[in-house]
Amino acid sequence: MEWNALCALIAEQLDVNAEDLTEDTDLIDDLGVDSMDAVELIVAVESATDIRIPDDAADHIRTLGDIISYLAEHAEPEE
């Protein structure tokens, strides 16, 4: 998932301005994500990317950069 698509998804899910998001944006401290928001966000990212994010991995995701890194590490290699 590329950066602009992730920002658009986050903005839609959390009702925030996509232009205000950076890789250092903290989901909890900056965006006020609670446990229900986090589950919904992970499901939305999984649906958009077809990459499963297990609970133990999701527990370590704090920033938007963490999401991008996880997706990059687990994406199918392009041929």
PDB file of N, CA and C in Angstrom:
ATOM      1  N   MET A   1       0.858  -1.165   0.000  1.00  0.00           N
ATOM      2  CA  MET A   1       0.000   0.000   0.000  1.00  0.00           C
ATOM      3  C   MET A   1       0.905   1.227   0.000  1.00  0.00           C
ATOM      4  N   GLU A   2       0.629   2.119  -0.874  1.00  0.00           N
ATOM      5  CA  GLU A   2       1.464   3.319  -0.934  1.00  0.00           C
ATOM      6  C   GLU A   2       0.959   4.372   0.060  1.00  0.00           C
ATOM      7  N   TRP A   3       1.826   5.312   0.364  1.00  0.00           N
ATOM      8  CA  TRP A   3       1.608   6.271   1.446  1.00  0.00           C
ATOM      9  C   TRP A   3       0.289   7.030   1.300  1.00  0.00           C
ATOM     10  N   ASN A   4       0.015   7.587   0.130  1.00  0.00           N
ATOM     11  CA  ASN A   4      -1.197   8.390  -0.042  1.00  0.00           C
ATOM     12  C   ASN A   4      -2.459   7.558   0.162  1.00  0.00           C
ATOM     13  N   ALA A   5      -2.424   6.312  -0.277  1.00  0.00           N
ATOM     14  CA  ALA A   5      -3.580   5.422  -0.088  1.00  0.00           C
ATOM     15  C   ALA A   5      -3.784   5.132   1.408  1.00  0.00           C
ATOM     16  N   LEU A   6      -2.686   4.909   2.132  1.00  0.00           N
ATOM     17  CA  LEU A   6      -2.796   4.675   3.572  1.00  0.00           C
ATOM     18  C   LEU A   6      -3.360   5.907   4.269  1.00  0.00           C
ATOM     19  N   CYS A   7      -2.849   7.071   3.928  1.00  0.00           N
ATOM     20  CA  CYS A   7      -3.344   8.305   4.550  1.00  0.00           C
ATOM     21  C   CYS A   7      -4.830   8.505   4.269  1.00  0.00           C
ATOM     22  N   ALA A   8      -5.258   8.222   3.043  1.00  0.00           N
ATOM     23  CA  ALA A   8      -6.669   8.360   2.697  1.00  0.00           C
ATOM     24  C   ALA A   8      -7.524   7.386   3.509  1.00  0.00           C
ATOM     25  N   LEU A   9      -7.039   6.176   3.664  1.00  0.00           N
ATOM     26  CA  LEU A   9      -7.759   5.165   4.442  1.00  0.00           C
ATOM     27  C   LEU A   9      -7.858   5.576   5.907  1.00  0.00           C
ATOM     28  N   ILE A  10      -6.741   6.035   6.483  1.00  0.00           N
ATOM     29  CA  ILE A  10      -6.717   6.473   7.885  1.00  0.00           C
ATOM     30  C   ILE A  10      -7.656   7.666   8.064  1.00  0.00           C
ATOM     31  N   ALA A  11      -7.587   8.618   7.145  1.00  0.00           N
ATOM     32  CA  ALA A  11      -8.427   9.811   7.229  1.00  0.00           C
ATOM     33  C   ALA A  11      -9.905   9.432   7.211  1.00  0.00           C
ATOM     34  N   GLU A  12     -10.262   8.490   6.343  1.00  0.00           N
ATOM     35  CA  GLU A  12     -11.653   8.055   6.254  1.00  0.00           C
ATOM     36  C   GLU A  12     -12.076   7.298   7.518  1.00  0.00           C
ATOM     37  N   GLN A  13     -11.246   6.389   7.987  1.00  0.00           N
ATOM     38  CA  GLN A  13     -11.575   5.575   9.153  1.00  0.00           C
ATOM     39  C   GLN A  13     -11.676   6.394  10.437  1.00  0.00           C
ATOM     40  N   LEU A  14     -10.782   7.366  10.588  1.00  0.00           N
ATOM     41  CA  LEU A  14     -10.684   8.098  11.856  1.00  0.00           C
ATOM     42  C   LEU A  14     -11.196   9.529  11.780  1.00  0.00           C
ATOM     43  N   ASP A  15     -11.702   9.920  10.602  1.00  0.00           N
ATOM     44  CA  ASP A  15     -12.227  11.266  10.398  1.00  0.00           C
ATOM     45  C   ASP A  15     -11.195  12.335  10.768  1.00  0.00           C
ATOM     46  N   VAL A  16     -10.009  12.198  10.145  1.00  0.00           N
ATOM     47  CA  VAL A  16      -8.933  13.175  10.320  1.00  0.00           C
ATOM     48  C   VAL A  16      -8.519  13.685   8.949  1.00  0.00           C
ATOM     49  N   ASN A  17      -7.703  14.722   8.919  1.00  0.00           N
ATOM     50  CA  ASN A  17      -7.225  15.305   7.674  1.00  0.00           C
ATOM     51  C   ASN A  17      -5.987  14.544   7.202  1.00  0.00           C
ATOM     52  N   ALA A  18      -6.030  13.974   6.012  1.00  0.00           N
ATOM     53  CA  ALA A  18      -4.926  13.177   5.482  1.00  0.00           C
ATOM     54  C   ALA A  18      -3.636  13.985   5.373  1.00  0.00           C
ATOM     55  N   GLU A  19      -3.739  15.281   5.088  1.00  0.00           N
ATOM     56  CA  GLU A  19      -2.541  16.110   4.935  1.00  0.00           C
ATOM     57  C   GLU A  19      -1.792  16.310   6.250  1.00  0.00           C
ATOM     58  N   ASP A  20      -2.438  16.071   7.370  1.00  0.00           N
ATOM     59  CA  ASP A  20      -1.803  16.242   8.675  1.00  0.00           C
ATOM     60  C   ASP A  20      -1.026  15.003   9.121  1.00  0.00           C
ATOM     61  N   LEU A  21      -1.124  13.910   8.375  1.00  0.00           N
ATOM     62  CA  LEU A  21      -0.515  12.648   8.777  1.00  0.00           C
ATOM     63  C   LEU A  21       0.929  12.542   8.297  1.00  0.00           C
ATOM     64  N   THR A  22       1.786  12.011   9.162  1.00  0.00           N
ATOM     65  CA  THR A  22       3.179  11.742   8.810  1.00  0.00           C
ATOM     66  C   THR A  22       3.510  10.326   9.263  1.00  0.00           C
ATOM     67  N   GLU A  23       4.673   9.843   8.885  1.00  0.00           N
ATOM     68  CA  GLU A  23       5.083   8.506   9.321  1.00  0.00           C
ATOM     69  C   GLU A  23       5.233   8.442  10.839  1.00  0.00           C
ATOM     70  N   ASP A  24       5.476   9.572  11.475  1.00  0.00           N
ATOM     71  CA  ASP A  24       5.642   9.615  12.925  1.00  0.00           C
ATOM     72  C   ASP A  24       4.331   9.822  13.681  1.00  0.00           C
ATOM     73  N   THR A  25       3.226   9.971  12.953  1.00  0.00           N
ATOM     74  CA  THR A  25       1.939  10.150  13.619  1.00  0.00           C
ATOM     75  C   THR A  25       1.642   8.923  14.461  1.00  0.00           C
ATOM     76  N   ASP A  26       1.439   9.151  15.758  1.00  0.00           N
ATOM     77  CA  ASP A  26       1.160   8.072  16.703  1.00  0.00           C
ATOM     78  C   ASP A  26      -0.348   7.835  16.748  1.00  0.00           C
ATOM     79  N   LEU A  27      -0.732   6.591  16.543  1.00  0.00           N
ATOM     80  CA  LEU A  27      -2.158   6.264  16.490  1.00  0.00           C
ATOM     81  C   LEU A  27      -2.883   6.607  17.785  1.00  0.00           C
ATOM     82  N   ILE A  28      -2.251   6.362  18.910  1.00  0.00           N
ATOM     83  CA  ILE A  28      -2.906   6.597  20.202  1.00  0.00           C
ATOM     84  C   ILE A  28      -2.719   8.048  20.654  1.00  0.00           C
ATOM     85  N   ASP A  29      -1.472   8.496  20.721  1.00  0.00           N
ATOM     86  CA  ASP A  29      -1.191   9.826  21.262  1.00  0.00           C
ATOM     87  C   ASP A  29      -1.677  10.959  20.356  1.00  0.00           C
ATOM     88  N   ASP A  30      -1.493  10.810  19.041  1.00  0.00           N
ATOM     89  CA  ASP A  30      -1.843  11.888  18.115  1.00  0.00           C
ATOM     90  C   ASP A  30      -3.273  11.784  17.577  1.00  0.00           C
ATOM     91  N   LEU A  31      -3.754  10.548  17.367  1.00  0.00           N
ATOM     92  CA  LEU A  31      -5.061  10.371  16.741  1.00  0.00           C
ATOM     93  C   LEU A  31      -6.133   9.868  17.689  1.00  0.00           C
ATOM     94  N   GLY A  32      -5.754   9.552  18.932  1.00  0.00           N
ATOM     95  CA  GLY A  32      -6.728   9.134  19.925  1.00  0.00           C
ATOM     96  C   GLY A  32      -7.389   7.793  19.646  1.00  0.00           C
ATOM     97  N   VAL A  33      -6.674   6.906  18.952  1.00  0.00           N
ATOM     98  CA  VAL A  33      -7.225   5.598  18.624  1.00  0.00           C
ATOM     99  C   VAL A  33      -7.406   4.771  19.893  1.00  0.00           C
ATOM    100  N   ASP A  34      -8.617   4.228  20.073  1.00  0.00           N
ATOM    101  CA  ASP A  34      -8.862   3.315  21.188  1.00  0.00           C
ATOM    102  C   ASP A  34      -8.848   1.883  20.643  1.00  0.00           C
ATOM    103  N   SER A  35      -9.096   0.916  21.494  1.00  0.00           N
ATOM    104  CA  SER A  35      -8.978  -0.485  21.063  1.00  0.00           C
ATOM    105  C   SER A  35      -9.959  -0.829  19.947  1.00  0.00           C
ATOM    106  N   MET A  36     -11.176  -0.308  19.989  1.00  0.00           N
ATOM    107  CA  MET A  36     -12.149  -0.573  18.934  1.00  0.00           C
ATOM    108  C   MET A  36     -11.716   0.066  17.619  1.00  0.00           C
ATOM    109  N   ASP A  37     -11.240   1.317  17.682  1.00  0.00           N
ATOM    110  CA  ASP A  37     -10.731   1.985  16.483  1.00  0.00           C
ATOM    111  C   ASP A  37      -9.584   1.189  15.877  1.00  0.00           C
ATOM    112  N   ALA A  38      -8.696   0.676  16.743  1.00  0.00           N
ATOM    113  CA  ALA A  38      -7.526  -0.070  16.273  1.00  0.00           C
ATOM    114  C   ALA A  38      -7.949  -1.323  15.512  1.00  0.00           C
ATOM    115  N   VAL A  39      -8.928  -2.049  16.048  1.00  0.00           N
ATOM    116  CA  VAL A  39      -9.411  -3.257  15.381  1.00  0.00           C
ATOM    117  C   VAL A  39     -10.008  -2.903  14.024  1.00  0.00           C
ATOM    118  N   GLU A  40     -10.840  -1.874  13.988  1.00  0.00           N
ATOM    119  CA  GLU A  40     -11.464  -1.457  12.736  1.00  0.00           C
ATOM    120  C   GLU A  40     -10.422  -0.999  11.716  1.00  0.00           C
ATOM    121  N   LEU A  41      -9.406  -0.300  12.191  1.00  0.00           N
ATOM    122  CA  LEU A  41      -8.347   0.175  11.307  1.00  0.00           C
ATOM    123  C   LEU A  41      -7.545  -0.995  10.734  1.00  0.00           C
ATOM    124  N   ILE A  42      -7.189  -1.953  11.572  1.00  0.00           N
ATOM    125  CA  ILE A  42      -6.440  -3.120  11.101  1.00  0.00           C
ATOM    126  C   ILE A  42      -7.255  -3.891  10.068  1.00  0.00           C
ATOM    127  N   VAL A  43      -8.543  -4.077  10.331  1.00  0.00           N
ATOM    128  CA  VAL A  43      -9.411  -4.778   9.380  1.00  0.00           C
ATOM    129  C   VAL A  43      -9.466  -4.024   8.053  1.00  0.00           C
ATOM    130  N   ALA A  44      -9.559  -2.707   8.099  1.00  0.00           N
ATOM    131  CA  ALA A  44      -9.602  -1.901   6.875  1.00  0.00           C
ATOM    132  C   ALA A  44      -8.300  -2.022   6.089  1.00  0.00           C
ATOM    133  N   VAL A  45      -7.166  -1.980   6.795  1.00  0.00           N
ATOM    134  CA  VAL A  45      -5.861  -2.113   6.128  1.00  0.00           C
ATOM    135  C   VAL A  45      -5.731  -3.510   5.527  1.00  0.00           C
ATOM    136  N   GLU A  46      -6.136  -4.525   6.266  1.00  0.00           N
ATOM    137  CA  GLU A  46      -6.077  -5.895   5.745  1.00  0.00           C
ATOM    138  C   GLU A  46      -6.944  -6.040   4.501  1.00  0.00           C
ATOM    139  N   SER A  47      -8.133  -5.466   4.520  1.00  0.00           N
ATOM    140  CA  SER A  47      -9.035  -5.548   3.369  1.00  0.00           C
ATOM    141  C   SER A  47      -8.462  -4.837   2.148  1.00  0.00           C
ATOM    142  N   ALA A  48      -7.813  -3.710   2.384  1.00  0.00           N
ATOM    143  CA  ALA A  48      -7.263  -2.926   1.282  1.00  0.00           C
ATOM    144  C   ALA A  48      -6.002  -3.538   0.690  1.00  0.00           C
ATOM    145  N   THR A  49      -5.298  -4.351   1.487  1.00  0.00           N
ATOM    146  CA  THR A  49      -3.995  -4.851   1.035  1.00  0.00           C
ATOM    147  C   THR A  49      -3.926  -6.363   0.851  1.00  0.00           C
ATOM    148  N   ASP A  50      -4.906  -7.097   1.348  1.00  0.00           N
ATOM    149  CA  ASP A  50      -4.859  -8.570   1.353  1.00  0.00           C
ATOM    150  C   ASP A  50      -3.658  -9.098   2.130  1.00  0.00           C
ATOM    151  N   ILE A  51      -3.178  -8.317   3.090  1.00  0.00           N
ATOM    152  CA  ILE A  51      -2.090  -8.748   3.973  1.00  0.00           C
ATOM    153  C   ILE A  51      -2.671  -8.865   5.377  1.00  0.00           C
ATOM    154  N   ARG A  52      -2.554 -10.050   5.949  1.00  0.00           N
ATOM    155  CA  ARG A  52      -3.080 -10.284   7.307  1.00  0.00           C
ATOM    156  C   ARG A  52      -2.097  -9.723   8.337  1.00  0.00           C
ATOM    157  N   ILE A  53      -2.644  -9.029   9.318  1.00  0.00           N
ATOM    158  CA  ILE A  53      -1.850  -8.486  10.409  1.00  0.00           C
ATOM    159  C   ILE A  53      -2.315  -9.191  11.686  1.00  0.00           C
ATOM    160  N   PRO A  54      -1.550 -10.197  12.147  1.00  0.00           N
ATOM    161  CA  PRO A  54      -1.964 -10.927  13.343  1.00  0.00           C
ATOM    162  C   PRO A  54      -1.951 -10.030  14.575  1.00  0.00           C
ATOM    163  N   ASP A  55      -2.716 -10.450  15.593  1.00  0.00           N
ATOM    164  CA  ASP A  55      -2.846  -9.648  16.813  1.00  0.00           C
ATOM    165  C   ASP A  55      -1.500  -9.318  17.443  1.00  0.00           C
ATOM    166  N   ASP A  56      -0.573 -10.281  17.474  1.00  0.00           N
ATOM    167  CA  ASP A  56       0.717 -10.008  18.111  1.00  0.00           C
ATOM    168  C   ASP A  56       1.497  -8.942  17.349  1.00  0.00           C
ATOM    169  N   ALA A  57       1.356  -8.897  16.023  1.00  0.00           N
ATOM    170  CA  ALA A  57       2.014  -7.850  15.234  1.00  0.00           C
ATOM    171  C   ALA A  57       1.294  -6.520  15.429  1.00  0.00           C
ATOM    172  N   ALA A  58      -0.030  -6.555  15.450  1.00  0.00           N
ATOM    173  CA  ALA A  58      -0.814  -5.327  15.614  1.00  0.00           C
ATOM    174  C   ALA A  58      -0.511  -4.654  16.953  1.00  0.00           C
ATOM    175  N   ASP A  59      -0.203  -5.464  17.957  1.00  0.00           N
ATOM    176  CA  ASP A  59       0.121  -4.913  19.275  1.00  0.00           C
ATOM    177  C   ASP A  59       1.376  -4.045  19.256  1.00  0.00           C
ATOM    178  N   HIS A  60       2.234  -4.218  18.256  1.00  0.00           N
ATOM    179  CA  HIS A  60       3.484  -3.461  18.169  1.00  0.00           C
ATOM    180  C   HIS A  60       3.403  -2.286  17.204  1.00  0.00           C
ATOM    181  N   ILE A  61       2.255  -2.085  16.600  1.00  0.00           N
ATOM    182  CA  ILE A  61       2.081  -0.971  15.664  1.00  0.00           C
ATOM    183  C   ILE A  61       1.618   0.250  16.440  1.00  0.00           C
ATOM    184  N   ARG A  62       2.444   1.300  16.425  1.00  0.00           N
ATOM    185  CA  ARG A  62       2.117   2.535  17.141  1.00  0.00           C
ATOM    186  C   ARG A  62       1.968   3.730  16.197  1.00  0.00           C
ATOM    187  N   THR A  63       2.733   3.719  15.106  1.00  0.00           N
ATOM    188  CA  THR A  63       2.739   4.871  14.209  1.00  0.00           C
ATOM    189  C   THR A  63       2.330   4.450  12.801  1.00  0.00           C
ATOM    190  N   LEU A  64       2.067   5.439  11.972  1.00  0.00           N
ATOM    191  CA  LEU A  64       1.753   5.131  10.578  1.00  0.00           C
ATOM    192  C   LEU A  64       2.960   4.524   9.884  1.00  0.00           C
ATOM    193  N   GLY A  65       4.149   4.944  10.281  1.00  0.00           N
ATOM    194  CA  GLY A  65       5.372   4.349   9.739  1.00  0.00           C
ATOM    195  C   GLY A  65       5.464   2.865  10.067  1.00  0.00           C
ATOM    196  N   ASP A  66       4.999   2.482  11.254  1.00  0.00           N
ATOM    197  CA  ASP A  66       4.978   1.066  11.630  1.00  0.00           C
ATOM    198  C   ASP A  66       4.073   0.271  10.689  1.00  0.00           C
ATOM    199  N   ILE A  67       2.940   0.853  10.326  1.00  0.00           N
ATOM    200  CA  ILE A  67       2.026   0.168   9.400  1.00  0.00           C
ATOM    201  C   ILE A  67       2.693  -0.023   8.049  1.00  0.00           C
ATOM    202  N   ILE A  68       3.288   1.039   7.532  1.00  0.00           N
ATOM    203  CA  ILE A  68       3.958   0.976   6.230  1.00  0.00           C
ATOM    204  C   ILE A  68       5.078  -0.060   6.261  1.00  0.00           C
ATOM    205  N   SER A  69       5.871  -0.058   7.314  1.00  0.00           N
ATOM    206  CA  SER A  69       6.975  -1.021   7.435  1.00  0.00           C
ATOM    207  C   SER A  69       6.455  -2.447   7.461  1.00  0.00           C
ATOM    208  N   TYR A  70       5.412  -2.699   8.241  1.00  0.00           N
ATOM    209  CA  TYR A  70       4.856  -4.048   8.331  1.00  0.00           C
ATOM    210  C   TYR A  70       4.357  -4.497   6.955  1.00  0.00           C
ATOM    211  N   LEU A  71       3.629  -3.633   6.282  1.00  0.00           N
ATOM    212  CA  LEU A  71       3.090  -3.997   4.969  1.00  0.00           C
ATOM    213  C   LEU A  71       4.206  -4.254   3.965  1.00  0.00           C
ATOM    214  N   ALA A  72       5.253  -3.431   3.995  1.00  0.00           N
ATOM    215  CA  ALA A  72       6.378  -3.616   3.074  1.00  0.00           C
ATOM    216  C   ALA A  72       7.085  -4.943   3.329  1.00  0.00           C
ATOM    217  N   GLU A  73       7.241  -5.305   4.586  1.00  0.00           N
ATOM    218  CA  GLU A  73       7.915  -6.563   4.944  1.00  0.00           C
ATOM    219  C   GLU A  73       7.105  -7.792   4.563  1.00  0.00           C
ATOM    220  N   HIS A  74       5.787  -7.663   4.513  1.00  0.00           N
ATOM    221  CA  HIS A  74       4.934  -8.824   4.308  1.00  0.00           C
ATOM    222  C   HIS A  74       4.214  -8.830   2.962  1.00  0.00           C
ATOM    223  N   ALA A  75       4.544  -7.886   2.099  1.00  0.00           N
ATOM    224  CA  ALA A  75       3.939  -7.843   0.768  1.00  0.00           C
ATOM    225  C   ALA A  75       4.523  -8.943  -0.112  1.00  0.00           C
ATOM    226  N   GLU A  76       3.696  -9.434  -1.009  1.00  0.00           N
ATOM    227  CA  GLU A  76       4.183 -10.416  -1.967  1.00  0.00           C
ATOM    228  C   GLU A  76       5.154  -9.713  -2.912  1.00  0.00           C
ATOM    229  N   PRO A  77       6.299 -10.346  -3.210  1.00  0.00           N
ATOM    230  CA  PRO A  77       7.248  -9.716  -4.134  1.00  0.00           C
ATOM    231  C   PRO A  77       6.636  -9.586  -5.524  1.00  0.00           C
ATOM    232  N   GLU A  78       6.896  -8.450  -6.138  1.00  0.00           N
ATOM    233  CA  GLU A  78       6.399  -8.226  -7.501  1.00  0.00           C
ATOM    234  C   GLU A  78       7.298  -8.948  -8.486  1.00  0.00           C
ATOM    235  N   GLU A  79       6.670  -9.500  -9.514  1.00  0.00           N
ATOM    236  CA  GLU A  79       7.458 -10.222 -10.525  1.00  0.00           C
ATOM    237  C   GLU A  79       7.747  -9.373 -11.714  1.00  0.00           C
TER     238      GLU A  79
END
